[in-house]
């Protein structure tokens, strides 16, 4: 298992992943995530700040699980994410690294503490 997310400095969080999924209250699977992240002070208008926080979470926490798939390796990173409200909760992010070696965010959700 990797200690840190490989190439974490290149991590990519796509705009549509944030706007259409993670902060979308109308998304069937994403609504509960959106409620959580919006309550921590993130917003649609400042989605880039949320993307940066997710990248920081990926850089600053340890990989807790790695899975090989036909599309590349998936890395699970758990714990503290910087948030506007200062609570910095423990969350899980999942990143995929394909042939281009750039970690791309697949999902993020809160972890029970």
N, C-alpha and C. Protein backbone atom coordinates (compact mmCIF):
# COMPACT_ATOMS: atom_id res chain seq x y z
N UNK A 1 0.84 -1.17 0.00
CA UNK A 1 0.00 0.00 0.00
C UNK A 1 0.89 1.24 0.00
N UNK A 2 0.49 2.24 -0.76
CA UNK A 2 1.22 3.50 -0.84
C UNK A 2 1.02 4.30 0.45
N UNK A 3 2.04 5.00 0.85
CA UNK A 3 1.91 5.87 2.01
C UNK A 3 1.14 7.13 1.64
N UNK A 4 1.44 7.69 0.49
CA UNK A 4 0.78 8.91 0.02
C UNK A 4 0.25 8.67 -1.39
N UNK A 5 -0.69 9.49 -1.80
CA UNK A 5 -1.25 9.43 -3.14
C UNK A 5 -0.14 9.75 -4.15
N UNK A 6 0.16 8.85 -5.08
CA UNK A 6 1.19 9.13 -6.08
C UNK A 6 0.85 10.37 -6.90
N UNK A 7 1.83 11.17 -7.18
CA UNK A 7 1.67 12.38 -7.99
C UNK A 7 0.58 13.30 -7.45
N UNK A 8 0.46 13.37 -6.14
CA UNK A 8 -0.61 14.15 -5.52
C UNK A 8 -0.56 15.63 -5.91
N UNK A 9 0.60 16.13 -6.22
CA UNK A 9 0.72 17.52 -6.64
C UNK A 9 0.06 17.81 -7.97
N UNK A 10 -0.24 16.76 -8.73
CA UNK A 10 -0.92 16.91 -10.03
C UNK A 10 -2.41 16.62 -9.95
N UNK A 11 -2.93 16.35 -8.75
CA UNK A 11 -4.32 15.92 -8.57
C UNK A 11 -5.31 16.86 -9.27
N UNK A 12 -6.33 16.23 -9.86
CA UNK A 12 -7.33 16.95 -10.65
C UNK A 12 -8.73 16.67 -10.11
N UNK A 13 -9.47 17.74 -9.85
CA UNK A 13 -10.88 17.64 -9.48
C UNK A 13 -11.65 18.42 -10.55
N UNK A 14 -12.42 17.70 -11.34
CA UNK A 14 -13.13 18.32 -12.45
C UNK A 14 -14.31 19.15 -11.98
N UNK A 15 -14.54 20.27 -12.65
CA UNK A 15 -15.64 21.17 -12.32
C UNK A 15 -16.98 20.44 -12.28
N UNK A 16 -17.23 19.61 -13.28
CA UNK A 16 -18.52 18.91 -13.34
C UNK A 16 -18.69 17.94 -12.18
N UNK A 17 -17.59 17.37 -11.67
CA UNK A 17 -17.66 16.46 -10.52
C UNK A 17 -18.18 17.20 -9.29
N UNK A 18 -17.73 18.45 -9.14
CA UNK A 18 -18.16 19.26 -8.00
C UNK A 18 -19.58 19.79 -8.22
N UNK A 19 -19.81 20.45 -9.35
CA UNK A 19 -21.09 21.12 -9.57
C UNK A 19 -22.25 20.16 -9.83
N UNK A 20 -21.99 19.11 -10.60
CA UNK A 20 -23.07 18.20 -10.99
C UNK A 20 -23.28 17.04 -10.01
N UNK A 21 -22.35 16.85 -9.08
CA UNK A 21 -22.43 15.69 -8.20
C UNK A 21 -22.23 16.05 -6.73
N UNK A 22 -21.03 16.45 -6.34
CA UNK A 22 -20.71 16.60 -4.92
C UNK A 22 -21.43 17.76 -4.23
N UNK A 23 -21.79 18.81 -4.98
CA UNK A 23 -22.52 19.93 -4.38
C UNK A 23 -23.92 20.08 -4.97
N UNK A 24 -24.44 19.02 -5.59
CA UNK A 24 -25.74 19.06 -6.26
C UNK A 24 -26.81 18.44 -5.36
N UNK A 25 -27.65 19.28 -4.77
CA UNK A 25 -28.71 18.80 -3.88
C UNK A 25 -29.77 17.98 -4.61
N UNK A 26 -29.84 18.07 -5.93
CA UNK A 26 -30.83 17.34 -6.71
C UNK A 26 -30.31 15.99 -7.22
N UNK A 27 -29.03 15.69 -7.02
CA UNK A 27 -28.45 14.44 -7.53
C UNK A 27 -28.87 13.28 -6.63
N UNK A 28 -29.34 12.18 -7.23
CA UNK A 28 -29.84 11.05 -6.44
C UNK A 28 -28.79 10.48 -5.49
N UNK A 29 -27.58 10.27 -5.96
CA UNK A 29 -26.53 9.73 -5.09
C UNK A 29 -25.72 10.82 -4.39
N UNK A 30 -25.72 12.00 -4.93
CA UNK A 30 -24.87 13.06 -4.39
C UNK A 30 -25.53 13.99 -3.39
N UNK A 31 -26.85 13.95 -3.26
CA UNK A 31 -27.56 14.93 -2.41
C UNK A 31 -27.09 14.90 -0.96
N UNK A 32 -26.90 13.72 -0.38
CA UNK A 32 -26.47 13.66 1.01
C UNK A 32 -25.04 14.20 1.16
N UNK A 33 -24.21 13.96 0.16
CA UNK A 33 -22.85 14.50 0.17
C UNK A 33 -22.92 16.02 0.07
N UNK A 34 -23.78 16.50 -0.82
CA UNK A 34 -23.94 17.95 -1.00
C UNK A 34 -24.38 18.62 0.30
N UNK A 35 -25.35 18.03 0.98
CA UNK A 35 -25.80 18.61 2.25
C UNK A 35 -24.64 18.72 3.24
N UNK A 36 -23.84 17.66 3.33
CA UNK A 36 -22.69 17.65 4.23
C UNK A 36 -21.68 18.74 3.86
N UNK A 37 -21.26 18.77 2.60
CA UNK A 37 -20.22 19.70 2.19
C UNK A 37 -20.71 21.15 2.19
N UNK A 38 -21.95 21.39 1.82
CA UNK A 38 -22.51 22.74 1.87
C UNK A 38 -22.59 23.23 3.32
N UNK A 39 -22.93 22.34 4.24
CA UNK A 39 -23.00 22.69 5.67
C UNK A 39 -21.62 23.03 6.24
N UNK A 40 -20.55 22.57 5.60
CA UNK A 40 -19.18 22.88 6.03
C UNK A 40 -18.71 24.21 5.46
N UNK A 41 -19.55 24.87 4.64
CA UNK A 41 -19.22 26.20 4.12
C UNK A 41 -18.80 26.25 2.67
N UNK A 42 -18.75 25.11 1.99
CA UNK A 42 -18.43 25.13 0.57
C UNK A 42 -19.65 25.61 -0.20
N UNK A 43 -19.43 26.13 -1.43
CA UNK A 43 -20.55 26.65 -2.22
C UNK A 43 -20.33 26.41 -3.71
N UNK A 44 -21.44 26.40 -4.43
CA UNK A 44 -21.38 26.27 -5.89
C UNK A 44 -20.63 27.46 -6.50
N UNK A 45 -20.86 28.64 -5.97
CA UNK A 45 -20.25 29.85 -6.52
C UNK A 45 -18.72 29.83 -6.39
N UNK A 46 -18.23 29.17 -5.36
CA UNK A 46 -16.79 29.10 -5.12
C UNK A 46 -16.32 27.64 -5.21
N UNK A 47 -16.75 26.94 -6.25
CA UNK A 47 -16.47 25.51 -6.38
C UNK A 47 -14.96 25.22 -6.42
N UNK A 48 -14.19 26.17 -6.95
CA UNK A 48 -12.74 25.96 -7.04
C UNK A 48 -12.11 25.77 -5.67
N UNK A 49 -12.63 26.48 -4.66
CA UNK A 49 -12.12 26.32 -3.31
C UNK A 49 -12.36 24.92 -2.77
N UNK A 50 -13.52 24.35 -3.11
CA UNK A 50 -13.82 22.98 -2.71
C UNK A 50 -12.87 22.03 -3.43
N UNK A 51 -12.65 22.25 -4.72
CA UNK A 51 -11.73 21.39 -5.48
C UNK A 51 -10.33 21.45 -4.87
N UNK A 52 -9.88 22.63 -4.48
CA UNK A 52 -8.56 22.78 -3.87
C UNK A 52 -8.49 22.05 -2.53
N UNK A 53 -9.56 22.14 -1.75
CA UNK A 53 -9.59 21.46 -0.45
C UNK A 53 -9.51 19.94 -0.63
N UNK A 54 -10.20 19.42 -1.65
CA UNK A 54 -10.15 17.98 -1.92
C UNK A 54 -8.74 17.56 -2.34
N UNK A 55 -8.10 18.38 -3.16
CA UNK A 55 -6.71 18.08 -3.57
C UNK A 55 -5.79 18.11 -2.35
N UNK A 56 -6.00 19.08 -1.47
CA UNK A 56 -5.18 19.16 -0.26
C UNK A 56 -5.40 17.93 0.62
N UNK A 57 -6.65 17.49 0.73
CA UNK A 57 -6.94 16.28 1.50
C UNK A 57 -6.20 15.09 0.90
N UNK A 58 -6.18 14.99 -0.43
CA UNK A 58 -5.47 13.91 -1.10
C UNK A 58 -3.96 13.95 -0.90
N UNK A 59 -3.41 15.15 -0.83
CA UNK A 59 -1.96 15.32 -0.63
C UNK A 59 -1.52 15.06 0.81
N UNK A 60 -2.36 15.44 1.77
CA UNK A 60 -1.92 15.49 3.17
C UNK A 60 -2.33 14.30 4.03
N UNK A 61 -3.02 13.34 3.47
CA UNK A 61 -3.44 12.17 4.23
C UNK A 61 -2.93 10.90 3.56
N UNK A 62 -2.92 9.84 4.31
CA UNK A 62 -2.37 8.58 3.81
C UNK A 62 -3.38 7.81 2.97
N UNK A 63 -2.87 7.08 2.02
CA UNK A 63 -3.67 6.13 1.26
C UNK A 63 -4.01 4.96 2.18
N UNK A 64 -5.31 4.62 2.26
CA UNK A 64 -5.73 3.53 3.14
C UNK A 64 -6.09 2.27 2.37
N UNK A 65 -6.24 2.39 1.06
CA UNK A 65 -6.58 1.22 0.25
C UNK A 65 -6.23 1.51 -1.20
N UNK A 66 -5.73 0.49 -1.90
CA UNK A 66 -5.41 0.59 -3.32
C UNK A 66 -6.05 -0.59 -4.03
N UNK A 67 -6.70 -0.31 -5.15
CA UNK A 67 -7.35 -1.36 -5.96
C UNK A 67 -6.91 -1.16 -7.40
N UNK A 68 -6.53 -2.23 -8.04
CA UNK A 68 -6.18 -2.18 -9.47
C UNK A 68 -7.44 -2.48 -10.28
N UNK A 69 -7.71 -1.66 -11.30
CA UNK A 69 -8.86 -1.86 -12.18
C UNK A 69 -8.37 -1.82 -13.63
N UNK A 70 -9.22 -2.19 -14.58
CA UNK A 70 -8.81 -2.10 -15.99
C UNK A 70 -8.51 -0.66 -16.43
N UNK A 71 -9.01 0.32 -15.69
CA UNK A 71 -8.82 1.72 -16.07
C UNK A 71 -7.66 2.37 -15.35
N UNK A 72 -7.06 1.67 -14.42
CA UNK A 72 -5.94 2.21 -13.66
C UNK A 72 -6.05 1.82 -12.20
N UNK A 73 -5.23 2.43 -11.39
CA UNK A 73 -5.25 2.15 -9.95
C UNK A 73 -6.16 3.15 -9.26
N UNK A 74 -6.91 2.66 -8.27
CA UNK A 74 -7.77 3.53 -7.46
C UNK A 74 -7.20 3.58 -6.05
N UNK A 75 -7.10 4.80 -5.56
CA UNK A 75 -6.51 5.04 -4.25
C UNK A 75 -7.55 5.69 -3.33
N UNK A 76 -7.74 5.09 -2.18
CA UNK A 76 -8.64 5.63 -1.17
C UNK A 76 -7.80 6.39 -0.16
N UNK A 77 -8.18 7.64 0.10
CA UNK A 77 -7.47 8.49 1.05
C UNK A 77 -8.46 8.92 2.12
N UNK A 78 -8.13 8.68 3.37
CA UNK A 78 -9.04 9.00 4.47
C UNK A 78 -8.47 10.06 5.39
N UNK A 79 -9.31 10.91 5.79
CA UNK A 79 -9.26 11.80 6.94
C UNK A 79 -9.30 13.26 6.59
N UNK A 80 -8.67 14.09 7.36
CA UNK A 80 -8.95 15.53 7.46
C UNK A 80 -8.97 16.27 6.13
N UNK A 81 -10.05 17.04 5.95
CA UNK A 81 -10.22 17.90 4.79
C UNK A 81 -10.41 19.33 5.30
N UNK A 82 -9.62 20.28 4.81
CA UNK A 82 -9.82 21.66 5.26
C UNK A 82 -11.17 22.18 4.77
N UNK A 83 -11.92 22.81 5.67
CA UNK A 83 -13.24 23.32 5.34
C UNK A 83 -13.38 24.78 5.77
N UNK A 84 -14.23 25.54 5.09
CA UNK A 84 -14.41 26.95 5.46
C UNK A 84 -14.88 27.15 6.90
N UNK A 85 -15.62 26.20 7.46
CA UNK A 85 -16.09 26.35 8.84
C UNK A 85 -15.03 25.99 9.88
N UNK A 86 -13.86 25.53 9.43
CA UNK A 86 -12.75 25.22 10.32
C UNK A 86 -12.85 23.89 11.06
N UNK A 87 -13.91 23.12 10.82
CA UNK A 87 -14.06 21.83 11.50
C UNK A 87 -13.15 20.75 10.93
N UNK A 88 -12.77 20.87 9.65
CA UNK A 88 -11.85 19.95 8.99
C UNK A 88 -12.19 18.49 9.27
N UNK A 89 -13.39 18.05 8.86
CA UNK A 89 -13.85 16.70 9.19
C UNK A 89 -13.06 15.62 8.45
N UNK A 90 -13.22 14.42 8.95
CA UNK A 90 -12.63 13.26 8.31
C UNK A 90 -13.53 12.85 7.15
N UNK A 91 -12.97 12.84 5.95
CA UNK A 91 -13.71 12.40 4.77
C UNK A 91 -12.90 11.33 4.05
N UNK A 92 -13.53 10.66 3.12
CA UNK A 92 -12.85 9.71 2.24
C UNK A 92 -12.91 10.25 0.82
N UNK A 93 -11.76 10.29 0.16
CA UNK A 93 -11.72 10.57 -1.26
C UNK A 93 -11.22 9.33 -1.97
N UNK A 94 -11.66 9.16 -3.22
CA UNK A 94 -11.18 8.07 -4.05
C UNK A 94 -10.66 8.69 -5.34
N UNK A 95 -9.44 8.34 -5.68
CA UNK A 95 -8.73 8.89 -6.83
C UNK A 95 -8.38 7.76 -7.78
N UNK A 96 -8.45 8.03 -9.07
CA UNK A 96 -8.04 7.06 -10.07
C UNK A 96 -6.83 7.62 -10.82
N UNK A 97 -5.84 6.77 -11.00
CA UNK A 97 -4.66 7.15 -11.77
C UNK A 97 -4.54 6.19 -12.93
N UNK A 98 -4.71 6.72 -14.14
CA UNK A 98 -4.62 5.93 -15.36
C UNK A 98 -3.26 6.09 -16.02
N UNK A 99 -3.24 5.91 -17.32
CA UNK A 99 -1.98 5.96 -18.08
C UNK A 99 -1.28 7.31 -18.00
N UNK A 100 -2.05 8.40 -17.82
CA UNK A 100 -1.43 9.73 -17.80
C UNK A 100 -0.78 10.06 -16.45
N UNK A 101 -0.92 9.19 -15.46
CA UNK A 101 -0.29 9.31 -14.13
C UNK A 101 -0.84 10.47 -13.30
N UNK A 102 -1.97 11.05 -13.70
CA UNK A 102 -2.57 12.16 -12.96
C UNK A 102 -3.72 11.64 -12.11
N UNK A 103 -3.67 11.86 -10.79
CA UNK A 103 -4.79 11.45 -9.94
C UNK A 103 -6.04 12.27 -10.26
N UNK A 104 -7.14 11.58 -10.55
CA UNK A 104 -8.41 12.22 -10.87
C UNK A 104 -9.43 11.79 -9.83
N UNK A 105 -10.10 12.78 -9.21
CA UNK A 105 -11.07 12.47 -8.16
C UNK A 105 -12.27 11.73 -8.74
N UNK A 106 -12.62 10.61 -8.11
CA UNK A 106 -13.83 9.88 -8.48
C UNK A 106 -14.99 10.23 -7.55
N UNK A 107 -14.73 10.29 -6.25
CA UNK A 107 -15.79 10.61 -5.30
C UNK A 107 -15.19 11.07 -3.98
N UNK A 108 -16.05 11.65 -3.15
CA UNK A 108 -15.70 12.06 -1.81
C UNK A 108 -16.94 11.97 -0.95
N UNK A 109 -16.76 11.55 0.30
CA UNK A 109 -17.90 11.50 1.22
C UNK A 109 -17.40 11.52 2.65
N UNK A 110 -18.26 11.96 3.57
CA UNK A 110 -17.85 12.01 4.98
C UNK A 110 -17.70 10.62 5.57
N UNK A 111 -16.81 10.50 6.53
CA UNK A 111 -16.64 9.27 7.29
C UNK A 111 -17.20 9.48 8.69
N UNK A 112 -17.81 8.46 9.24
CA UNK A 112 -18.29 8.53 10.61
C UNK A 112 -17.09 8.57 11.54
N UNK A 113 -17.19 9.39 12.56
CA UNK A 113 -16.08 9.47 13.52
C UNK A 113 -16.46 8.90 14.85
